[in-house]
Amino acid sequence: MARSWIGAIVAVAVLGLAGVLLARTIGRYDLADVEAALRQLGPGQLAGAALLSAASYLLLTGVDLLAIRYAGKDLPYRHVAFASFVALSIGHSLGLAAVSSGAVRFRFYRRWGLRAGEIARVILFCGLTVVLGYSLLGGLVMATSAGWVSGLIGVPEGTLVAAGAVALAVPVLYLAAVRSGRQIRLGRLHIPPPRMRLALGQMVVGCVDVLLVAGVLHQCLGGSAALSFDTVLAVYMAAAAAGMLAHAPGGLGVVEAVTLALLPGAETIAALLAFRAIYYLVPLALGGAALAIFEIAAGRRAPAG
């Protein structure tokens, strides 16, 4: 109980601080400057951001496919892809993805014949993939490029190296558990480890997805060589980590506050608005509409009485 209260207090504190910083930062800029920056985003950059966003959601359908195999089931890819996109489009925007996207996955997969325990494995596998991707890629960035990252975000180089080592320990320990064949303990949960091939697939897909999402932000920032992809990747990972800590819906407010603190300017505000629309709001509208249509069709097919 005490841990849950501490986590809630930390989340509220981070979210509140992010809101204050965001309000103060945005207040420095004229709305006309932001509108001008939005108009400067060319169709090429917006199209590139949209394609990378679509690639991210498409890639993540592969995570669900791996998870279904881990659960020992076999479903048509069209079913898995549909469930994955709807769950993620809603979960990304609502936050607490393990709960929101997990509930959507449960509804779909239960209807398609999976038992509760099998669905729990699918949800856990998908969540672990995200954690492994951020831990592995973030750890590599901090451990191997601590010098320039330190200059970018203002954190001492030694602290970044230590944080990178801790982050890299997560996938290392996970692979060790997989290789040992022993059950993985997560609190009260005891789950069998996946095969090594699936575990490695998790890491690859998780890392590539982080790169794709950072690519969406990079395109929204103009996709220019003046702001390298490496810089945007480091900024995005710092912002995403803060957003996850705060449990804000889609990192709303937190991601913006951190990104603006590291890359100040009206152009960044415009880029963040475009990023939020392309990666979060458009998929949310499509996923919500798809879910509504599916539920209406399922209701019509259900036998009366």
Protein backbone atom coordinates (compact mmCIF):
# COMPACT_ATOMS: atom_id res chain seq x y z
CA MET A 1 0.00 0.00 0.00
CA ALA A 2 2.82 2.39 0.92
CA ARG A 3 4.58 1.75 -2.39
CA SER A 4 1.42 2.51 -4.36
CA TRP A 5 0.99 5.80 -2.51
CA ILE A 6 4.63 6.74 -3.11
CA GLY A 7 4.28 5.94 -6.83
CA ALA A 8 1.10 8.01 -7.06
CA ILE A 9 2.71 10.96 -5.26
CA VAL A 10 5.76 10.85 -7.54
CA ALA A 11 3.56 10.67 -10.65
CA VAL A 12 1.42 13.62 -9.53
CA ALA A 13 4.52 15.64 -8.61
CA VAL A 14 6.18 15.00 -11.97
CA LEU A 15 2.97 15.77 -13.86
CA GLY A 16 2.39 18.96 -11.89
CA LEU A 17 5.97 20.15 -12.38
CA ALA A 18 5.75 19.38 -16.09
CA GLY A 19 2.53 21.39 -16.34
CA VAL A 20 4.11 24.41 -14.66
CA LEU A 21 7.24 24.22 -16.82
CA LEU A 22 5.17 23.77 -19.98
CA ALA A 23 2.96 26.76 -19.19
CA ARG A 24 5.95 28.96 -18.41
CA THR A 25 7.85 27.85 -21.50
CA ILE A 26 4.95 28.28 -23.93
CA GLY A 27 4.18 31.66 -22.39
CA ARG A 28 7.49 32.96 -23.69
CA TYR A 29 6.43 32.60 -27.30
CA ASP A 30 3.98 34.50 -29.41
CA LEU A 31 1.11 32.49 -30.87
CA ALA A 32 1.84 34.08 -34.25
CA ASP A 33 5.36 32.62 -34.15
CA VAL A 34 3.97 29.14 -33.48
CA GLU A 35 1.47 29.48 -36.34
CA ALA A 36 4.26 30.62 -38.67
CA ALA A 37 6.38 27.63 -37.64
CA LEU A 38 3.47 25.28 -38.34
CA ARG A 39 3.06 26.73 -41.82
CA GLN A 40 6.76 26.14 -42.48
CA LEU A 41 6.35 22.38 -42.02
CA GLY A 42 6.46 21.14 -45.58
CA PRO A 43 4.34 18.34 -47.01
CA GLY A 44 7.47 16.22 -47.36
CA GLN A 45 8.21 16.34 -43.63
CA LEU A 46 4.57 15.71 -42.69
CA ALA A 47 4.33 12.80 -45.13
CA GLY A 48 7.57 11.36 -43.77
CA ALA A 49 6.27 11.64 -40.21
CA ALA A 50 3.01 9.95 -41.19
CA LEU A 51 4.83 7.08 -42.93
CA LEU A 52 7.13 6.52 -39.94
CA SER A 53 4.14 6.59 -37.61
CA ALA A 54 2.34 4.00 -39.74
CA ALA A 55 5.53 1.89 -39.80
CA SER A 56 5.68 1.99 -36.00
CA TYR A 57 2.11 0.74 -35.59
CA LEU A 58 2.67 -1.90 -38.29
CA LEU A 59 5.86 -3.09 -36.60
CA LEU A 60 4.08 -3.40 -33.26
CA THR A 61 1.56 -5.81 -34.78
CA GLY A 62 4.56 -8.11 -34.96
CA VAL A 63 4.92 -7.87 -31.18
CA ASP A 64 1.38 -9.16 -30.74
CA LEU A 65 2.12 -11.93 -33.23
CA LEU A 66 5.20 -12.98 -31.23
CA ALA A 67 3.14 -12.76 -28.04
CA ILE A 68 0.44 -15.01 -29.46
CA ARG A 69 3.09 -17.58 -30.33
CA TYR A 70 4.57 -17.23 -26.84
CA ALA A 71 1.12 -18.00 -25.42
CA GLY A 72 1.06 -21.17 -27.54
CA LYS A 73 -1.81 -20.06 -29.77
CA ASP A 74 -2.25 -19.45 -33.48
CA LEU A 75 -4.50 -16.70 -34.81
CA PRO A 76 -4.80 -15.22 -38.32
CA TYR A 77 -2.52 -12.22 -38.77
CA ARG A 78 -5.47 -10.01 -39.73
CA HIS A 79 -7.02 -10.64 -36.31
CA VAL A 80 -3.76 -10.00 -34.46
CA ALA A 81 -2.99 -6.84 -36.45
CA PHE A 82 -6.48 -5.44 -35.88
CA ALA A 83 -6.36 -6.09 -32.13
CA SER A 84 -2.85 -4.68 -31.88
CA PHE A 85 -3.60 -1.43 -33.71
CA VAL A 86 -6.85 -0.73 -31.86
CA ALA A 87 -5.29 -1.53 -28.49
CA LEU A 88 -2.18 0.57 -29.10
CA SER A 89 -3.95 3.53 -30.69
CA ILE A 90 -6.10 3.77 -27.56
CA GLY A 91 -3.42 2.81 -25.04
CA HIS A 92 -0.85 5.28 -26.35
CA SER A 93 -3.24 8.19 -25.88
CA LEU A 94 -4.96 7.16 -22.63
CA GLY A 95 -1.79 6.22 -20.79
CA LEU A 96 -1.37 3.28 -18.37
CA ALA A 97 -0.99 1.13 -21.46
CA ALA A 98 -0.89 -2.12 -19.49
CA VAL A 99 -4.42 -1.32 -18.32
CA SER A 100 -6.00 0.51 -21.26
CA SER A 101 -4.50 -1.40 -24.19
CA GLY A 102 -4.54 -4.55 -22.08
CA ALA A 103 -8.30 -4.26 -21.61
CA VAL A 104 -8.82 -3.86 -25.35
CA ARG A 105 -6.59 -6.85 -26.10
CA PHE A 106 -8.47 -8.91 -23.51
CA ARG A 107 -11.80 -8.13 -25.17
CA PHE A 108 -10.59 -9.14 -28.64
CA TYR A 109 -8.54 -12.20 -27.75
CA ARG A 110 -11.16 -13.53 -25.34
CA ARG A 111 -13.69 -13.40 -28.15
CA TRP A 112 -11.27 -15.26 -30.42
CA GLY A 113 -10.86 -18.18 -28.04
CA LEU A 114 -7.90 -17.36 -25.77
CA ARG A 115 -8.19 -18.11 -22.06
CA ALA A 116 -7.54 -15.46 -19.41
CA GLY A 117 -4.10 -16.86 -18.54
CA GLU A 118 -3.05 -16.89 -22.18
CA ILE A 119 -4.20 -13.30 -22.66
CA ALA A 120 -2.26 -12.28 -19.55
CA ARG A 121 0.87 -13.73 -21.17
CA VAL A 122 0.20 -11.76 -24.35
CA ILE A 123 -0.24 -8.49 -22.44
CA LEU A 124 2.87 -9.10 -20.32
CA PHE A 125 4.95 -10.04 -23.37
CA CYS A 126 3.93 -6.83 -25.17
CA GLY A 127 4.68 -4.70 -22.13
CA LEU A 128 8.09 -6.32 -21.65
CA THR A 129 8.93 -5.63 -25.29
CA VAL A 130 8.48 -1.90 -24.73
CA VAL A 131 10.59 -1.99 -21.55
CA LEU A 132 13.34 -3.99 -23.25
CA GLY A 133 13.43 -1.65 -26.24
CA TYR A 134 13.80 1.50 -24.17
CA SER A 135 16.22 -0.11 -21.72
CA LEU A 136 18.51 -1.54 -24.38
CA LEU A 137 18.57 1.47 -26.69
CA GLY A 138 18.62 4.00 -23.86
CA GLY A 139 21.38 2.12 -22.08
CA LEU A 140 23.50 2.00 -25.22
CA VAL A 141 23.04 5.72 -25.85
CA MET A 142 23.93 6.68 -22.27
CA ALA A 143 26.82 4.25 -21.92
CA THR A 144 28.52 4.93 -25.27
CA SER A 145 27.68 8.60 -25.89
CA ALA A 146 27.60 9.98 -22.36
CA GLY A 147 29.81 12.95 -23.28
CA TRP A 148 27.60 14.70 -25.84
CA VAL A 149 24.37 13.55 -24.15
CA SER A 150 25.62 15.13 -20.92
CA GLY A 151 26.15 18.42 -22.73
CA LEU A 152 22.67 18.18 -24.25
CA ILE A 153 20.56 17.43 -21.17
CA GLY A 154 22.83 18.80 -18.42
CA VAL A 155 23.29 15.55 -16.48
CA PRO A 156 26.83 14.67 -15.27
CA GLU A 157 28.61 12.22 -17.54
CA GLY A 158 29.33 9.78 -14.72
CA THR A 159 25.65 9.70 -13.78
CA LEU A 160 24.70 8.90 -17.38
CA VAL A 161 27.24 6.08 -17.60
CA ALA A 162 25.90 4.59 -14.36
CA ALA A 163 22.29 4.96 -15.53
CA GLY A 164 23.21 3.37 -18.84
CA ALA A 165 24.74 0.39 -17.05
CA VAL A 166 21.59 -0.05 -14.95
CA ALA A 167 19.40 0.17 -18.06
CA LEU A 168 21.52 -2.39 -19.90
CA ALA A 169 21.28 -4.74 -16.93
CA VAL A 170 17.54 -5.16 -17.63
CA PRO A 171 17.88 -6.94 -21.01
CA VAL A 172 20.97 -8.83 -19.79
CA LEU A 173 19.11 -10.22 -16.78
CA TYR A 174 16.11 -10.99 -18.96
CA LEU A 175 18.20 -13.00 -21.41
CA ALA A 176 19.88 -14.78 -18.51
CA ALA A 177 16.47 -15.78 -17.15
CA VAL A 178 15.38 -16.95 -20.60
CA ARG A 179 18.53 -19.02 -21.03
CA SER A 180 18.16 -20.61 -17.60
CA GLY A 181 14.64 -21.76 -18.40
CA ARG A 182 13.46 -20.75 -14.94
CA GLN A 183 10.19 -18.97 -14.40
CA ILE A 184 10.39 -15.18 -14.42
CA ARG A 185 9.07 -13.55 -11.27
CA LEU A 186 7.29 -10.22 -11.50
CA GLY A 187 5.84 -9.55 -8.08
CA ARG A 188 3.35 -12.34 -7.45
CA LEU A 189 3.38 -13.44 -11.08
CA HIS A 190 5.41 -16.47 -12.11
CA ILE A 191 5.59 -16.88 -15.85
CA PRO A 192 7.57 -19.28 -18.05
CA PRO A 193 10.28 -17.61 -20.12
CA PRO A 194 9.87 -17.43 -23.90
CA ARG A 195 12.23 -19.20 -26.28
CA MET A 196 15.50 -17.37 -26.88
CA ARG A 197 14.48 -16.56 -30.47
CA LEU A 198 11.32 -14.83 -29.26
CA ALA A 199 13.24 -12.94 -26.58
CA LEU A 200 15.76 -11.64 -29.11
CA GLY A 201 12.87 -10.72 -31.39
CA GLN A 202 11.38 -8.68 -28.57
CA MET A 203 14.56 -6.66 -28.21
CA VAL A 204 14.98 -6.01 -31.91
CA VAL A 205 11.37 -4.93 -32.41
CA GLY A 206 11.40 -2.82 -29.23
CA CYS A 207 14.54 -0.92 -30.31
CA VAL A 208 13.36 -0.38 -33.89
CA ASP A 209 10.05 0.99 -32.65
CA VAL A 210 11.81 3.58 -30.48
CA LEU A 211 13.85 4.64 -33.51
CA LEU A 212 10.70 4.98 -35.62
CA VAL A 213 8.89 7.14 -33.06
CA ALA A 214 11.96 9.34 -32.66
CA GLY A 215 11.99 9.55 -36.45
CA VAL A 216 8.43 10.89 -36.41
CA LEU A 217 9.52 13.68 -34.05
CA HIS A 218 12.62 14.35 -36.15
CA GLN A 219 10.52 14.79 -39.27
CA CYS A 220 8.15 17.11 -37.43
CA LEU A 221 11.17 19.16 -36.41
CA GLY A 222 11.95 19.62 -40.08
CA GLY A 223 14.10 16.55 -40.70
CA SER A 224 17.10 18.82 -41.30
CA ALA A 225 20.76 18.03 -40.81
CA ALA A 226 20.97 21.07 -38.52
CA LEU A 227 19.23 18.99 -35.86
CA SER A 228 20.70 15.50 -36.10
CA PHE A 229 18.67 12.37 -35.57
CA ASP A 230 20.99 11.37 -32.71
CA THR A 231 20.10 14.57 -30.88
CA VAL A 232 16.37 14.10 -31.40
CA LEU A 233 16.65 10.46 -30.28
CA ALA A 234 18.34 11.46 -27.02
CA VAL A 235 15.79 14.21 -26.39
CA TYR A 236 12.86 11.94 -27.18
CA MET A 237 14.10 9.17 -24.88
CA ALA A 238 14.56 11.62 -22.01
CA ALA A 239 11.07 13.03 -22.61
CA ALA A 240 9.49 9.58 -22.96
CA ALA A 241 11.13 8.39 -19.73
CA ALA A 242 9.65 11.37 -17.87
CA GLY A 243 6.26 10.73 -19.46
CA MET A 244 6.31 7.08 -18.36
CA LEU A 245 7.27 8.10 -14.82
CA ALA A 246 4.33 10.49 -14.63
CA HIS A 247 1.85 7.99 -16.14
CA ALA A 248 0.36 10.93 -18.04
CA PRO A 249 -1.98 9.98 -20.91
CA GLY A 250 0.39 9.59 -23.85
CA GLY A 251 2.97 11.55 -21.84
CA LEU A 252 0.79 14.61 -22.51
CA GLY A 253 2.41 17.74 -21.11
CA VAL A 254 5.45 15.90 -19.77
CA VAL A 255 6.93 15.00 -23.16
CA GLU A 256 6.28 18.53 -24.38
CA ALA A 257 7.82 20.15 -21.28
CA VAL A 258 11.02 18.09 -21.42
CA THR A 259 11.42 18.49 -25.19
CA LEU A 260 10.92 22.25 -24.99
CA ALA A 261 13.38 22.51 -22.12
CA LEU A 262 16.04 20.75 -24.19
CA LEU A 263 15.11 22.24 -27.59
CA PRO A 264 13.54 25.64 -26.88
CA GLY A 265 11.84 27.61 -29.65
CA ALA A 266 8.54 28.27 -31.37
CA GLU A 267 9.52 25.72 -34.01
CA THR A 268 9.65 23.03 -31.34
CA ILE A 269 6.14 23.90 -30.13
CA ALA A 270 4.86 23.59 -33.70
CA ALA A 271 6.72 20.30 -34.15
CA LEU A 272 5.25 18.90 -30.94
CA LEU A 273 1.73 19.83 -32.03
CA ALA A 274 2.29 18.02 -35.33
CA PHE A 275 3.89 15.05 -33.55
CA ARG A 276 0.98 14.77 -31.12
CA ALA A 277 -1.55 14.86 -33.96
CA ILE A 278 0.26 12.41 -36.27
CA TYR A 279 1.39 9.78 -33.77
CA TYR A 280 -1.40 9.98 -31.18
CA LEU A 281 -4.59 11.72 -32.29
CA VAL A 282 -5.00 10.38 -35.85
CA PRO A 283 -4.41 6.74 -34.77
CA LEU A 284 -6.73 7.29 -31.79
CA ALA A 285 -9.53 8.47 -34.09
CA LEU A 286 -8.99 5.52 -36.44
CA GLY A 287 -8.68 2.99 -33.64
CA GLY A 288 -11.72 4.33 -31.79
CA ALA A 289 -13.81 4.19 -34.96
CA ALA A 290 -12.61 0.65 -35.70
CA LEU A 291 -13.48 -0.48 -32.18
CA ALA A 292 -16.96 1.06 -32.40
CA ILE A 293 -17.64 -0.61 -35.76
CA PHE A 294 -16.37 -3.96 -34.46
CA GLU A 295 -18.57 -3.79 -31.36
CA ILE A 296 -21.64 -2.82 -33.37
CA ALA A 297 -21.06 -5.66 -35.83
CA ALA A 298 -20.44 -8.13 -32.99
CA GLY A 299 -23.63 -7.02 -31.28
CA ARG A 300 -25.64 -7.64 -34.40
CA ARG A 301 -24.18 -11.12 -34.79
CA ALA A 302 -24.88 -12.05 -31.16
CA PRO A 303 -27.91 -14.34 -30.72
CA ALA A 304 -30.96 -12.75 -29.16
CA GLY A 305 -31.87 -13.57 -25.59
